[in-house]
Amino acid sequence: MSWVALVLIVIGVWVAIKVAGALLKLLFWGVALAGIYWFLAPLMGWPWPF
């Protein structure tokens, strides 16, 4: 393989790790917000999510 292919592979792996990290961060924020809503909904008189 040429050095250009190796550089592109390294950049591709780096970008894939960054995207996976961003998706996990969004997932964790969604779970946290759902948990907060789950506990606050009965106290505030909001409808249940399910």
N, C-alpha and C. Protein backbone atom coordinates (compact mmCIF):
# COMPACT_ATOMS: atom_id res chain seq x y z
N MET A 1 0.85 -1.19 0.00
CA MET A 1 0.00 0.00 0.00
C MET A 1 0.88 1.24 0.00
N SER A 2 0.33 2.26 -0.54
CA SER A 2 1.07 3.52 -0.57
C SER A 2 0.86 4.28 0.74
N TRP A 3 1.65 5.28 0.94
CA TRP A 3 1.54 6.06 2.17
C TRP A 3 0.25 6.85 2.20
N VAL A 4 -0.30 7.21 1.03
CA VAL A 4 -1.57 7.94 0.97
C VAL A 4 -2.70 7.07 1.51
N ALA A 5 -2.69 5.78 1.14
CA ALA A 5 -3.72 4.86 1.63
C ALA A 5 -3.62 4.70 3.14
N LEU A 6 -2.40 4.61 3.65
CA LEU A 6 -2.23 4.48 5.11
C LEU A 6 -2.74 5.73 5.84
N VAL A 7 -2.46 6.90 5.30
CA VAL A 7 -2.93 8.14 5.90
C VAL A 7 -4.46 8.20 5.88
N LEU A 8 -5.06 7.79 4.76
CA LEU A 8 -6.52 7.80 4.66
C LEU A 8 -7.15 6.81 5.62
N ILE A 9 -6.53 5.66 5.82
CA ILE A 9 -7.05 4.68 6.78
C ILE A 9 -6.99 5.24 8.19
N VAL A 10 -5.88 5.86 8.55
CA VAL A 10 -5.74 6.43 9.89
C VAL A 10 -6.77 7.54 10.11
N ILE A 11 -6.95 8.40 9.13
CA ILE A 11 -7.94 9.48 9.24
C ILE A 11 -9.35 8.90 9.34
N GLY A 12 -9.64 7.87 8.57
CA GLY A 12 -10.96 7.24 8.61
C GLY A 12 -11.25 6.63 9.97
N VAL A 13 -10.28 5.95 10.56
CA VAL A 13 -10.46 5.37 11.90
C VAL A 13 -10.66 6.47 12.93
N TRP A 14 -9.89 7.53 12.83
CA TRP A 14 -10.02 8.65 13.78
C TRP A 14 -11.40 9.28 13.69
N VAL A 15 -11.89 9.51 12.48
CA VAL A 15 -13.22 10.10 12.29
C VAL A 15 -14.30 9.16 12.82
N ALA A 16 -14.15 7.85 12.58
CA ALA A 16 -15.13 6.89 13.07
C ALA A 16 -15.20 6.90 14.60
N ILE A 17 -14.06 7.01 15.26
CA ILE A 17 -14.04 7.07 16.72
C ILE A 17 -14.71 8.35 17.21
N LYS A 18 -14.45 9.47 16.55
CA LYS A 18 -15.07 10.74 16.94
C LYS A 18 -16.59 10.67 16.78
N VAL A 19 -17.07 10.10 15.67
CA VAL A 19 -18.51 10.00 15.43
C VAL A 19 -19.16 9.09 16.46
N ALA A 20 -18.52 7.96 16.77
CA ALA A 20 -19.07 7.04 17.76
C ALA A 20 -19.13 7.71 19.13
N GLY A 21 -18.12 8.49 19.48
CA GLY A 21 -18.13 9.20 20.75
C GLY A 21 -19.25 10.22 20.81
N ALA A 22 -19.48 10.94 19.73
CA ALA A 22 -20.55 11.94 19.70
C ALA A 22 -21.92 11.26 19.81
N LEU A 23 -22.10 10.13 19.14
CA LEU A 23 -23.37 9.42 19.23
C LEU A 23 -23.61 8.88 20.64
N LEU A 24 -22.56 8.38 21.29
CA LEU A 24 -22.72 7.91 22.67
C LEU A 24 -23.05 9.06 23.61
N LYS A 25 -22.44 10.21 23.40
CA LYS A 25 -22.73 11.36 24.23
C LYS A 25 -24.19 11.79 24.06
N LEU A 26 -24.69 11.80 22.82
CA LEU A 26 -26.10 12.13 22.59
C LEU A 26 -27.02 11.10 23.24
N LEU A 27 -26.66 9.83 23.16
CA LEU A 27 -27.46 8.79 23.79
C LEU A 27 -27.53 8.98 25.30
N PHE A 28 -26.40 9.26 25.93
CA PHE A 28 -26.38 9.46 27.37
C PHE A 28 -27.18 10.69 27.78
N TRP A 29 -27.11 11.76 27.01
CA TRP A 29 -27.92 12.95 27.30
C TRP A 29 -29.41 12.62 27.19
N GLY A 30 -29.78 11.86 26.19
CA GLY A 30 -31.18 11.46 26.03
C GLY A 30 -31.67 10.63 27.20
N VAL A 31 -30.84 9.70 27.66
CA VAL A 31 -31.21 8.88 28.82
C VAL A 31 -31.33 9.74 30.07
N ALA A 32 -30.42 10.68 30.25
CA ALA A 32 -30.47 11.56 31.42
C ALA A 32 -31.73 12.43 31.39
N LEU A 33 -32.04 13.00 30.24
CA LEU A 33 -33.24 13.84 30.15
C LEU A 33 -34.51 13.03 30.34
N ALA A 34 -34.54 11.81 29.80
CA ALA A 34 -35.71 10.94 30.01
C ALA A 34 -35.86 10.59 31.48
N GLY A 35 -34.76 10.34 32.16
CA GLY A 35 -34.82 10.03 33.59
C GLY A 35 -35.31 11.22 34.40
N ILE A 36 -34.84 12.40 34.07
CA ILE A 36 -35.30 13.61 34.78
C ILE A 36 -36.79 13.81 34.55
N TYR A 37 -37.25 13.62 33.32
CA TYR A 37 -38.67 13.78 33.03
C TYR A 37 -39.48 12.72 33.77
N TRP A 38 -38.96 11.51 33.83
CA TRP A 38 -39.67 10.41 34.50
C TRP A 38 -39.91 10.74 35.97
N PHE A 39 -38.95 11.39 36.62
CA PHE A 39 -39.11 11.72 38.03
C PHE A 39 -39.90 13.02 38.24
N LEU A 40 -39.80 13.97 37.33
CA LEU A 40 -40.49 15.25 37.51
C LEU A 40 -41.93 15.24 37.04
N ALA A 41 -42.29 14.37 36.11
CA ALA A 41 -43.64 14.37 35.54
C ALA A 41 -44.73 14.22 36.61
N PRO A 42 -44.63 13.28 37.53
CA PRO A 42 -45.69 13.17 38.53
C PRO A 42 -45.75 14.38 39.48
N LEU A 43 -44.61 14.95 39.77
CA LEU A 43 -44.57 16.07 40.70
C LEU A 43 -45.16 17.34 40.09
N MET A 44 -44.96 17.52 38.78
CA MET A 44 -45.41 18.72 38.10
C MET A 44 -46.78 18.57 37.45
N GLY A 45 -47.35 17.38 37.48
CA GLY A 45 -48.64 17.16 36.85
C GLY A 45 -48.58 17.00 35.34
N TRP A 46 -47.40 16.67 34.83
CA TRP A 46 -47.23 16.44 33.40
C TRP A 46 -47.70 15.04 33.05
N PRO A 47 -48.03 14.79 31.78
CA PRO A 47 -48.47 13.44 31.41
C PRO A 47 -47.30 12.45 31.46
N TRP A 48 -47.62 11.20 31.74
CA TRP A 48 -46.60 10.16 31.75
C TRP A 48 -46.09 9.92 30.35
N PRO A 49 -44.82 9.64 30.18
CA PRO A 49 -44.29 9.45 28.83
C PRO A 49 -44.77 8.15 28.17
N PHE A 50 -45.16 7.14 28.98
CA PHE A 50 -45.60 5.86 28.40
C PHE A 50 -46.95 5.50 28.92
